[in-house]
Amino acid sequence: MQAEVPLAPTERLTFRRWDPSEAKFIFEMYSMPEVYQFLGSDPKPVPSVEKAAGAIQRWNSPTFGAQGFWAVVPKDPAFGEKPVGSILLMPLQRSDEAPSDDFEVGWHFHPKSWGHGFATEAARTVIERAKEFGMNEVRAVVYPNNLRSLALCERLGMERIGETQVWYKTNLVEYLLTL
C-alpha cells in the first residue's frame, strides 16, 4: 500500500489528521446550528462526544491518492495552534448511491474562525493537491441558503452549475472547477 501523502502547509495554516483527544471540540463545533445546518441530507447536531470520536476515527481511515479529511490549524498563536475546522477532498456521494468518480472540496469551520480567510486558503490548498494528483476537475455542493459557502465558491473561481438533487439526497447548488 502506498504511504499517505500529507497536505502541504501554507504560510498561515498547517493540516493534519484529527487527534482522538479533540472529540470534545468536534462535538462542540458540529453541534452548533450555524455549522451543522448545512451538512448532509438531514442536518443534525453531533449528539455526543462519543459520536464525535467515531467521526474522527472515520475521518482518519486510510485514504488513497489525493483524497483526505484534515484538521485545519492556524499558525497564529491567537488561535492556540489548535484546529479551527476541517477541509476535505473526497468522492461525492450520489443520491442514487451509485459509485461516483467526482470529487468535492468541502470545508467546515468553527464560527470563531470565520472571517479570517482560513476556508479560502485551505480550499485552495486542496485544489492544488487535486491538480498535483492529476485530477481534471473538482466540485463543491452547497445548500442554497449557505451564503458564506456560496461566496467562497465564487472566490475560488468555481463555475456555478445550478441547483441539483444528484448529491447527498437533498437540494444543493453545484459548482465545478476545471483544473
N, C-alpha and C. Protein backbone atom coordinates (compact mmCIF):
# COMPACT_ATOMS: atom_id res chain seq x y z
N MET A 1 0.85 -1.18 0.00
CA MET A 1 0.00 0.00 0.00
C MET A 1 0.89 1.24 0.00
N GLN A 2 0.50 2.23 -0.77
CA GLN A 2 1.24 3.49 -0.88
C GLN A 2 1.04 4.32 0.39
N ALA A 3 2.12 4.96 0.86
CA ALA A 3 2.03 5.81 2.05
C ALA A 3 1.19 7.04 1.73
N GLU A 4 0.45 7.48 2.73
CA GLU A 4 -0.38 8.67 2.56
C GLU A 4 0.50 9.90 2.41
N VAL A 5 0.15 10.75 1.48
CA VAL A 5 0.89 11.99 1.24
C VAL A 5 0.22 13.10 2.05
N PRO A 6 0.97 13.74 2.97
CA PRO A 6 0.35 14.80 3.77
C PRO A 6 -0.04 16.00 2.92
N LEU A 7 -0.97 16.78 3.44
CA LEU A 7 -1.39 18.02 2.79
C LEU A 7 -0.36 19.10 3.13
N ALA A 8 0.17 19.74 2.12
CA ALA A 8 1.23 20.73 2.30
C ALA A 8 0.74 21.95 3.08
N PRO A 9 1.54 22.46 4.01
CA PRO A 9 1.14 23.66 4.76
C PRO A 9 1.18 24.90 3.88
N THR A 10 0.51 25.94 4.35
CA THR A 10 0.57 27.24 3.70
C THR A 10 1.33 28.19 4.63
N GLU A 11 1.41 29.45 4.25
CA GLU A 11 2.09 30.42 5.10
C GLU A 11 1.41 30.55 6.46
N ARG A 12 0.06 30.42 6.48
CA ARG A 12 -0.68 30.65 7.72
C ARG A 12 -1.29 29.40 8.34
N LEU A 13 -1.32 28.29 7.61
CA LEU A 13 -2.05 27.11 8.07
C LEU A 13 -1.22 25.83 7.96
N THR A 14 -1.47 24.92 8.89
CA THR A 14 -0.99 23.55 8.75
C THR A 14 -2.20 22.64 8.72
N PHE A 15 -1.99 21.44 8.21
CA PHE A 15 -3.06 20.47 8.06
C PHE A 15 -2.58 19.14 8.61
N ARG A 16 -3.45 18.46 9.30
CA ARG A 16 -3.10 17.16 9.85
C ARG A 16 -4.37 16.36 10.08
N ARG A 17 -4.19 15.11 10.43
CA ARG A 17 -5.33 14.28 10.80
C ARG A 17 -5.86 14.77 12.16
N TRP A 18 -7.13 14.55 12.39
CA TRP A 18 -7.72 14.89 13.68
C TRP A 18 -7.20 13.94 14.74
N ASP A 19 -6.91 14.46 15.92
CA ASP A 19 -6.46 13.66 17.04
C ASP A 19 -7.69 13.20 17.84
N PRO A 20 -7.74 11.95 18.27
CA PRO A 20 -8.88 11.49 19.06
C PRO A 20 -9.16 12.35 20.30
N SER A 21 -8.13 12.98 20.83
CA SER A 21 -8.33 13.84 22.01
C SER A 21 -9.13 15.09 21.69
N GLU A 22 -9.38 15.36 20.42
CA GLU A 22 -10.10 16.56 20.00
C GLU A 22 -11.60 16.32 19.81
N ALA A 23 -12.09 15.17 20.30
CA ALA A 23 -13.51 14.83 20.13
C ALA A 23 -14.41 15.87 20.78
N LYS A 24 -14.00 16.45 21.89
CA LYS A 24 -14.84 17.45 22.56
C LYS A 24 -15.02 18.68 21.66
N PHE A 25 -13.94 19.11 20.99
CA PHE A 25 -14.03 20.24 20.06
C PHE A 25 -14.95 19.89 18.89
N ILE A 26 -14.80 18.69 18.34
CA ILE A 26 -15.65 18.25 17.22
C ILE A 26 -17.12 18.26 17.67
N PHE A 27 -17.38 17.72 18.85
CA PHE A 27 -18.74 17.72 19.39
C PHE A 27 -19.28 19.14 19.48
N GLU A 28 -18.47 20.05 20.00
CA GLU A 28 -18.91 21.45 20.13
C GLU A 28 -19.19 22.07 18.76
N MET A 29 -18.23 21.96 17.84
CA MET A 29 -18.36 22.62 16.54
C MET A 29 -19.53 22.05 15.74
N TYR A 30 -19.64 20.72 15.68
CA TYR A 30 -20.67 20.10 14.86
C TYR A 30 -22.02 20.02 15.59
N SER A 31 -22.11 20.62 16.77
CA SER A 31 -23.38 20.76 17.48
C SER A 31 -23.95 22.16 17.33
N MET A 32 -23.20 23.05 16.71
CA MET A 32 -23.64 24.43 16.54
C MET A 32 -24.55 24.52 15.31
N PRO A 33 -25.77 25.07 15.47
CA PRO A 33 -26.68 25.15 14.32
C PRO A 33 -26.07 25.86 13.12
N GLU A 34 -25.27 26.90 13.35
CA GLU A 34 -24.68 27.61 12.22
C GLU A 34 -23.68 26.76 11.45
N VAL A 35 -23.24 25.65 12.01
CA VAL A 35 -22.35 24.72 11.31
C VAL A 35 -23.14 23.55 10.75
N TYR A 36 -23.84 22.80 11.61
CA TYR A 36 -24.45 21.55 11.14
C TYR A 36 -25.64 21.75 10.19
N GLN A 37 -26.29 22.93 10.21
CA GLN A 37 -27.47 23.12 9.37
C GLN A 37 -27.17 22.97 7.87
N PHE A 38 -25.90 23.02 7.50
CA PHE A 38 -25.53 22.95 6.09
C PHE A 38 -24.81 21.64 5.74
N LEU A 39 -24.93 20.62 6.58
CA LEU A 39 -24.18 19.38 6.36
C LEU A 39 -25.11 18.18 6.20
N GLY A 40 -24.91 17.43 5.15
CA GLY A 40 -25.64 16.20 4.95
C GLY A 40 -27.05 16.39 4.44
N SER A 41 -27.72 15.26 4.21
CA SER A 41 -29.07 15.32 3.66
C SER A 41 -30.12 15.58 4.73
N ASP A 42 -29.78 15.33 5.98
CA ASP A 42 -30.71 15.55 7.09
C ASP A 42 -29.91 16.18 8.23
N PRO A 43 -29.63 17.47 8.14
CA PRO A 43 -28.73 18.11 9.11
C PRO A 43 -29.18 17.94 10.56
N LYS A 44 -28.25 17.43 11.36
CA LYS A 44 -28.49 17.24 12.78
C LYS A 44 -27.19 17.51 13.52
N PRO A 45 -27.30 17.93 14.78
CA PRO A 45 -26.07 18.12 15.57
C PRO A 45 -25.43 16.77 15.92
N VAL A 46 -24.14 16.79 16.15
CA VAL A 46 -23.47 15.61 16.67
C VAL A 46 -24.01 15.41 18.09
N PRO A 47 -24.54 14.23 18.41
CA PRO A 47 -25.26 14.07 19.67
C PRO A 47 -24.39 13.88 20.92
N SER A 48 -23.11 13.51 20.74
CA SER A 48 -22.30 13.23 21.92
C SER A 48 -20.81 13.28 21.58
N VAL A 49 -20.00 13.37 22.61
CA VAL A 49 -18.55 13.33 22.42
C VAL A 49 -18.14 11.97 21.86
N GLU A 50 -18.85 10.92 22.26
CA GLU A 50 -18.55 9.57 21.75
C GLU A 50 -18.79 9.49 20.24
N LYS A 51 -19.88 10.09 19.78
CA LYS A 51 -20.15 10.11 18.33
C LYS A 51 -19.10 10.95 17.60
N ALA A 52 -18.66 12.02 18.23
CA ALA A 52 -17.59 12.85 17.65
C ALA A 52 -16.31 12.03 17.53
N ALA A 53 -16.00 11.22 18.54
CA ALA A 53 -14.82 10.36 18.48
C ALA A 53 -14.93 9.36 17.34
N GLY A 54 -16.13 8.84 17.12
CA GLY A 54 -16.36 7.93 15.99
C GLY A 54 -16.15 8.62 14.66
N ALA A 55 -16.57 9.89 14.57
CA ALA A 55 -16.35 10.66 13.34
C ALA A 55 -14.85 10.81 13.09
N ILE A 56 -14.10 11.14 14.12
CA ILE A 56 -12.65 11.28 13.96
C ILE A 56 -12.05 9.97 13.46
N GLN A 57 -12.49 8.87 14.00
CA GLN A 57 -11.98 7.57 13.56
C GLN A 57 -12.26 7.35 12.07
N ARG A 58 -13.47 7.69 11.61
CA ARG A 58 -13.82 7.55 10.18
C ARG A 58 -12.96 8.48 9.33
N TRP A 59 -12.83 9.73 9.78
CA TRP A 59 -12.05 10.69 9.01
C TRP A 59 -10.58 10.29 8.90
N ASN A 60 -10.09 9.59 9.90
CA ASN A 60 -8.69 9.19 9.91
C ASN A 60 -8.45 7.85 9.24
N SER A 61 -9.49 7.25 8.67
CA SER A 61 -9.32 6.00 7.95
C SER A 61 -8.35 6.22 6.79
N PRO A 62 -7.62 5.19 6.41
CA PRO A 62 -6.69 5.36 5.30
C PRO A 62 -7.42 5.86 4.04
N THR A 63 -6.78 6.78 3.35
CA THR A 63 -7.32 7.30 2.09
C THR A 63 -6.31 7.01 0.99
N PHE A 64 -6.72 7.19 -0.23
CA PHE A 64 -5.89 6.88 -1.37
C PHE A 64 -5.77 8.10 -2.26
N GLY A 65 -4.60 8.26 -2.86
CA GLY A 65 -4.39 9.36 -3.78
C GLY A 65 -4.53 10.70 -3.10
N ALA A 66 -5.27 11.59 -3.74
CA ALA A 66 -5.39 12.97 -3.28
C ALA A 66 -6.35 13.13 -2.12
N GLN A 67 -7.26 12.18 -1.94
CA GLN A 67 -8.35 12.40 -1.00
C GLN A 67 -7.91 12.42 0.46
N GLY A 68 -8.73 13.09 1.26
CA GLY A 68 -8.46 13.14 2.69
C GLY A 68 -9.42 14.08 3.39
N PHE A 69 -9.36 14.03 4.72
CA PHE A 69 -10.19 14.86 5.59
C PHE A 69 -9.25 15.34 6.69
N TRP A 70 -8.93 16.64 6.70
CA TRP A 70 -7.88 17.16 7.55
C TRP A 70 -8.39 18.22 8.53
N ALA A 71 -7.73 18.27 9.68
CA ALA A 71 -7.91 19.37 10.62
C ALA A 71 -7.11 20.55 10.09
N VAL A 72 -7.68 21.74 10.19
CA VAL A 72 -7.02 22.99 9.76
C VAL A 72 -6.54 23.70 11.03
N VAL A 73 -5.23 23.93 11.10
CA VAL A 73 -4.63 24.52 12.29
C VAL A 73 -3.89 25.80 11.90
N PRO A 74 -4.38 26.96 12.37
CA PRO A 74 -3.65 28.21 12.10
C PRO A 74 -2.32 28.24 12.83
N LYS A 75 -1.32 28.83 12.20
CA LYS A 75 -0.02 29.01 12.84
C LYS A 75 -0.06 30.19 13.81
N ASP A 76 -1.10 30.97 13.74
CA ASP A 76 -1.28 32.15 14.59
C ASP A 76 -1.49 31.75 16.05
N PRO A 77 -0.62 32.18 16.96
CA PRO A 77 -0.78 31.82 18.37
C PRO A 77 -2.10 32.30 18.98
N ALA A 78 -2.75 33.29 18.37
CA ALA A 78 -4.04 33.77 18.87
C ALA A 78 -5.09 32.66 18.84
N PHE A 79 -4.89 31.67 18.00
CA PHE A 79 -5.81 30.54 17.91
C PHE A 79 -5.31 29.33 18.70
N GLY A 80 -4.24 29.53 19.46
CA GLY A 80 -3.76 28.48 20.33
C GLY A 80 -3.14 27.30 19.60
N GLU A 81 -2.84 27.47 18.31
CA GLU A 81 -2.28 26.40 17.49
C GLU A 81 -3.11 25.12 17.61
N LYS A 82 -4.43 25.32 17.66
CA LYS A 82 -5.40 24.21 17.70
C LYS A 82 -6.27 24.29 16.46
N PRO A 83 -6.89 23.18 16.08
CA PRO A 83 -7.76 23.20 14.90
C PRO A 83 -8.91 24.20 15.03
N VAL A 84 -9.27 24.77 13.88
CA VAL A 84 -10.42 25.68 13.82
C VAL A 84 -11.49 25.15 12.87
N GLY A 85 -11.19 24.03 12.21
CA GLY A 85 -12.14 23.46 11.28
C GLY A 85 -11.56 22.31 10.50
N SER A 86 -12.31 21.90 9.49
CA SER A 86 -11.95 20.76 8.65
C SER A 86 -11.93 21.19 7.18
N ILE A 87 -11.05 20.56 6.42
CA ILE A 87 -11.02 20.71 4.96
C ILE A 87 -11.00 19.29 4.39
N LEU A 88 -11.70 19.11 3.28
CA LEU A 88 -11.75 17.75 2.73
C LEU A 88 -11.68 17.77 1.22
N LEU A 89 -11.18 16.68 0.69
CA LEU A 89 -11.21 16.36 -0.73
C LEU A 89 -11.59 14.89 -0.79
N MET A 90 -12.86 14.65 -1.11
CA MET A 90 -13.41 13.30 -1.02
C MET A 90 -14.34 13.04 -2.20
N PRO A 91 -14.58 11.76 -2.52
CA PRO A 91 -15.57 11.45 -3.56
C PRO A 91 -16.95 11.93 -3.13
N LEU A 92 -17.68 12.50 -4.07
CA LEU A 92 -19.06 12.92 -3.81
C LEU A 92 -19.96 11.70 -3.66
N GLN A 93 -20.95 11.82 -2.81
CA GLN A 93 -21.92 10.74 -2.61
C GLN A 93 -23.18 11.03 -3.42
N ARG A 94 -23.45 10.17 -4.38
CA ARG A 94 -24.63 10.33 -5.23
C ARG A 94 -25.89 9.99 -4.45
N SER A 95 -26.96 10.69 -4.77
CA SER A 95 -28.25 10.43 -4.13
C SER A 95 -28.77 9.03 -4.43
N ASP A 96 -28.46 8.52 -5.63
CA ASP A 96 -28.92 7.18 -6.01
C ASP A 96 -27.97 6.09 -5.52
N GLU A 97 -26.93 6.48 -4.79
CA GLU A 97 -25.96 5.58 -4.19
C GLU A 97 -25.09 4.85 -5.21
N ALA A 98 -25.15 5.25 -6.47
CA ALA A 98 -24.25 4.69 -7.49
C ALA A 98 -22.83 5.22 -7.23
N PRO A 99 -21.82 4.48 -7.66
CA PRO A 99 -20.44 4.97 -7.48
C PRO A 99 -20.23 6.29 -8.22
N SER A 100 -19.33 7.10 -7.69
CA SER A 100 -19.04 8.39 -8.31
C SER A 100 -17.54 8.57 -8.45
N ASP A 101 -17.14 9.09 -9.59
CA ASP A 101 -15.74 9.45 -9.81
C ASP A 101 -15.52 10.94 -9.58
N ASP A 102 -16.56 11.65 -9.18
CA ASP A 102 -16.47 13.08 -8.95
C ASP A 102 -16.00 13.35 -7.52
N PHE A 103 -15.10 14.32 -7.39
CA PHE A 103 -14.57 14.69 -6.08
C PHE A 103 -15.05 16.07 -5.70
N GLU A 104 -15.27 16.23 -4.39
CA GLU A 104 -15.67 17.53 -3.87
C GLU A 104 -14.60 18.08 -2.96
N VAL A 105 -14.50 19.39 -2.99
CA VAL A 105 -13.75 20.11 -1.98
C VAL A 105 -14.80 20.65 -1.01
N GLY A 106 -14.55 20.45 0.28
CA GLY A 106 -15.51 20.89 1.28
C GLY A 106 -14.81 21.46 2.50
N TRP A 107 -15.55 22.22 3.29
CA TRP A 107 -14.98 22.89 4.45
C TRP A 107 -16.03 23.02 5.54
N HIS A 108 -15.59 22.87 6.77
CA HIS A 108 -16.44 23.04 7.96
C HIS A 108 -15.58 23.77 8.98
N PHE A 109 -16.00 24.96 9.40
CA PHE A 109 -15.19 25.75 10.32
C PHE A 109 -16.00 26.23 11.51
N HIS A 110 -15.32 26.33 12.63
CA HIS A 110 -15.92 26.88 13.85
C HIS A 110 -16.21 28.36 13.61
N PRO A 111 -17.38 28.85 14.00
CA PRO A 111 -17.71 30.26 13.77
C PRO A 111 -16.69 31.25 14.33
N LYS A 112 -15.98 30.89 15.38
CA LYS A 112 -14.95 31.80 15.92
C LYS A 112 -13.81 32.06 14.93
N SER A 113 -13.68 31.18 13.94
CA SER A 113 -12.61 31.34 12.96
C SER A 113 -13.09 31.97 11.65
N TRP A 114 -14.38 32.24 11.54
CA TRP A 114 -14.92 32.83 10.31
C TRP A 114 -14.36 34.24 10.12
N GLY A 115 -14.20 34.62 8.86
CA GLY A 115 -13.78 35.98 8.55
C GLY A 115 -12.27 36.18 8.51
N HIS A 116 -11.50 35.11 8.64
CA HIS A 116 -10.04 35.20 8.61
C HIS A 116 -9.44 34.68 7.31
N GLY A 117 -10.27 34.19 6.41
CA GLY A 117 -9.78 33.67 5.14
C GLY A 117 -9.25 32.25 5.23
N PHE A 118 -9.44 31.57 6.36
CA PHE A 118 -8.91 30.22 6.51
C PHE A 118 -9.55 29.23 5.55
N ALA A 119 -10.88 29.32 5.38
CA ALA A 119 -11.57 28.37 4.48
C ALA A 119 -11.09 28.55 3.04
N THR A 120 -10.93 29.79 2.61
CA THR A 120 -10.46 30.05 1.25
C THR A 120 -9.05 29.50 1.06
N GLU A 121 -8.17 29.78 2.01
CA GLU A 121 -6.78 29.33 1.92
C GLU A 121 -6.70 27.80 1.94
N ALA A 122 -7.46 27.18 2.82
CA ALA A 122 -7.45 25.72 2.92
C ALA A 122 -8.03 25.09 1.64
N ALA A 123 -9.11 25.66 1.12
CA ALA A 123 -9.72 25.12 -0.10
C ALA A 123 -8.75 25.23 -1.28
N ARG A 124 -8.07 26.35 -1.38
CA ARG A 124 -7.08 26.49 -2.47
C ARG A 124 -5.97 25.44 -2.35
N THR A 125 -5.63 25.10 -1.12
CA THR A 125 -4.60 24.09 -0.90
C THR A 125 -5.05 22.72 -1.39
N VAL A 126 -6.28 22.32 -1.08
CA VAL A 126 -6.73 21.01 -1.55
C VAL A 126 -6.99 21.01 -3.06
N ILE A 127 -7.34 22.16 -3.62
CA ILE A 127 -7.48 22.25 -5.07
C ILE A 127 -6.13 22.05 -5.74
N GLU A 128 -5.10 22.66 -5.18
CA GLU A 128 -3.73 22.44 -5.71
C GLU A 128 -3.35 20.97 -5.60
N ARG A 129 -3.71 20.36 -4.49
CA ARG A 129 -3.43 18.94 -4.31
C ARG A 129 -4.12 18.12 -5.41
N ALA A 130 -5.38 18.44 -5.68
CA ALA A 130 -6.10 17.72 -6.74
C ALA A 130 -5.37 17.85 -8.07
N LYS A 131 -4.88 19.05 -8.38
CA LYS A 131 -4.11 19.26 -9.62
C LYS A 131 -2.86 18.39 -9.62
N GLU A 132 -2.13 18.42 -8.51
CA GLU A 132 -0.88 17.65 -8.42
C GLU A 132 -1.11 16.16 -8.61
N PHE A 133 -2.28 15.68 -8.20
CA PHE A 133 -2.59 14.27 -8.35
C PHE A 133 -3.26 13.96 -9.69
N GLY A 134 -3.32 14.95 -10.59
CA GLY A 134 -3.81 14.72 -11.94
C GLY A 134 -5.32 14.76 -12.11
N MET A 135 -6.03 15.29 -11.14
CA MET A 135 -7.49 15.41 -11.31
C MET A 135 -7.78 16.51 -12.34
N ASN A 136 -8.85 16.32 -13.10
CA ASN A 136 -9.23 17.28 -14.13
C ASN A 136 -10.22 18.32 -13.62
N GLU A 137 -10.92 17.98 -12.54
CA GLU A 137 -11.93 18.90 -12.00
C GLU A 137 -12.25 18.52 -10.57
N VAL A 138 -12.79 19.49 -9.85
CA VAL A 138 -13.36 19.27 -8.52
C VAL A 138 -14.68 20.00 -8.46
N ARG A 139 -15.52 19.58 -7.55
CA ARG A 139 -16.83 20.18 -7.38
C ARG A 139 -17.01 20.63 -5.94
N ALA A 140 -17.97 21.47 -5.74
CA ALA A 140 -18.44 21.82 -4.40
C ALA A 140 -19.96 21.79 -4.47
N VAL A 141 -20.59 21.31 -3.41
CA VAL A 141 -22.04 21.30 -3.34
C VAL A 141 -22.43 22.02 -2.05
N VAL A 142 -23.36 22.97 -2.19
CA VAL A 142 -23.65 23.91 -1.11
C VAL A 142 -25.16 24.08 -0.98
N TYR A 143 -25.63 24.13 0.26
CA TYR A 143 -27.03 24.45 0.48
C TYR A 143 -27.33 25.84 -0.10
N PRO A 144 -28.48 26.02 -0.77
CA PRO A 144 -28.79 27.31 -1.41
C PRO A 144 -28.79 28.50 -0.46
N ASN A 145 -29.05 28.29 0.82
CA ASN A 145 -29.07 29.40 1.77
C ASN A 145 -27.76 29.56 2.56
N ASN A 146 -26.73 28.81 2.18
CA ASN A 146 -25.42 28.92 2.83
C ASN A 146 -24.62 30.01 2.11
N LEU A 147 -24.94 31.25 2.41
CA LEU A 147 -24.36 32.38 1.68
C LEU A 147 -22.85 32.46 1.80
N ARG A 148 -22.29 32.11 2.95
CA ARG A 148 -20.83 32.15 3.12
C ARG A 148 -20.15 31.17 2.17
N SER A 149 -20.66 29.95 2.09
CA SER A 149 -20.04 28.96 1.22
C SER A 149 -20.29 29.24 -0.26
N LEU A 150 -21.45 29.78 -0.58
CA LEU A 150 -21.69 30.18 -1.97
C LEU A 150 -20.66 31.24 -2.38
N ALA A 151 -20.41 32.21 -1.50
CA ALA A 151 -19.43 33.26 -1.79
C ALA A 151 -18.03 32.67 -1.89
N LEU A 152 -17.72 31.70 -1.07
CA LEU A 152 -16.40 31.07 -1.13
C LEU A 152 -16.20 30.37 -2.47
N CYS A 153 -17.21 29.67 -2.95
CA CYS A 153 -17.11 29.02 -4.27
C CYS A 153 -16.80 30.06 -5.35
N GLU A 154 -17.44 31.20 -5.27
CA GLU A 154 -17.19 32.27 -6.24
C GLU A 154 -15.75 32.77 -6.12
N ARG A 155 -15.26 32.98 -4.87
CA ARG A 155 -13.88 33.43 -4.66
C ARG A 155 -12.87 32.44 -5.23
N LEU A 156 -13.22 31.17 -5.19
CA LEU A 156 -12.33 30.13 -5.71
C LEU A 156 -12.36 30.06 -7.24
N GLY A 157 -13.25 30.83 -7.86
CA GLY A 157 -13.35 30.81 -9.32
C GLY A 157 -14.13 29.63 -9.86
N MET A 158 -14.96 29.03 -9.02
CA MET A 158 -15.74 27.88 -9.45
C MET A 158 -16.93 28.35 -10.29
N GLU A 159 -17.30 27.53 -11.25
CA GLU A 159 -18.45 27.82 -12.11
C GLU A 159 -19.72 27.26 -11.47
N ARG A 160 -20.71 28.12 -11.32
CA ARG A 160 -21.98 27.69 -10.75
C ARG A 160 -22.74 26.90 -11.81
N ILE A 161 -22.99 25.62 -11.53
CA ILE A 161 -23.73 24.76 -12.46
C ILE A 161 -25.23 24.94 -12.26
N GLY A 162 -25.65 25.06 -11.00
CA GLY A 162 -27.06 25.26 -10.69
C GLY A 162 -27.51 24.32 -9.59
N GLU A 163 -28.80 24.40 -9.28
CA GLU A 163 -29.35 23.55 -8.23
C GLU A 163 -29.55 22.14 -8.75
N THR A 164 -29.31 21.18 -7.86
CA THR A 164 -29.39 19.77 -8.22
C THR A 164 -29.76 18.95 -6.99
N GLN A 165 -30.28 17.77 -7.25
CA GLN A 165 -30.53 16.80 -6.19
C GLN A 165 -29.75 15.52 -6.45
N VAL A 166 -28.72 15.62 -7.28
CA VAL A 166 -27.89 14.45 -7.63
C VAL A 166 -27.05 13.98 -6.44
N TRP A 167 -26.70 14.89 -5.54
CA TRP A 167 -25.77 14.58 -4.45
C TRP A 167 -26.46 14.62 -3.10
N TYR A 168 -26.11 13.68 -2.24
CA TYR A 168 -26.49 13.68 -0.82
C TYR A 168 -28.00 13.70 -0.56
N LYS A 169 -28.79 13.30 -1.51
CA LYS A 169 -30.25 13.17 -1.32
C LYS A 169 -30.91 14.47 -0.83
N THR A 170 -30.42 15.60 -1.31
CA THR A 170 -31.02 16.87 -0.95
C THR A 170 -30.77 17.89 -2.04
N ASN A 171 -31.46 19.02 -1.97
CA ASN A 171 -31.30 20.08 -2.96
C ASN A 171 -30.08 20.92 -2.62
N LEU A 172 -29.12 20.98 -3.53
CA LEU A 172 -27.86 21.71 -3.34
C LEU A 172 -27.52 22.51 -4.58
N VAL A 173 -26.69 23.53 -4.41
CA VAL A 173 -26.14 24.26 -5.55
C VAL A 173 -24.79 23.62 -5.86
N GLU A 174 -24.63 23.23 -7.11
CA GLU A 174 -23.40 22.56 -7.53
C GLU A 174 -22.47 23.55 -8.23
N TYR A 175 -21.18 23.47 -7.87
CA TYR A 175 -20.13 24.27 -8.50
C TYR A 175 -19.09 23.33 -9.08
N LEU A 176 -18.44 23.78 -10.16
CA LEU A 176 -17.41 22.99 -10.83
C LEU A 176 -16.19 23.88 -11.05
N LEU A 177 -15.03 23.30 -10.82
CA LEU A 177 -13.78 23.98 -11.14
C LEU A 177 -12.95 23.05 -12.01
N THR A 178 -12.70 23.46 -13.25
CA THR A 178 -11.85 22.70 -14.15
C THR A 178 -10.41 23.04 -13.81
N LEU A 179 -9.60 21.99 -13.64
CA LEU A 179 -8.21 22.18 -13.21
C LEU A 179 -7.24 22.17 -14.39
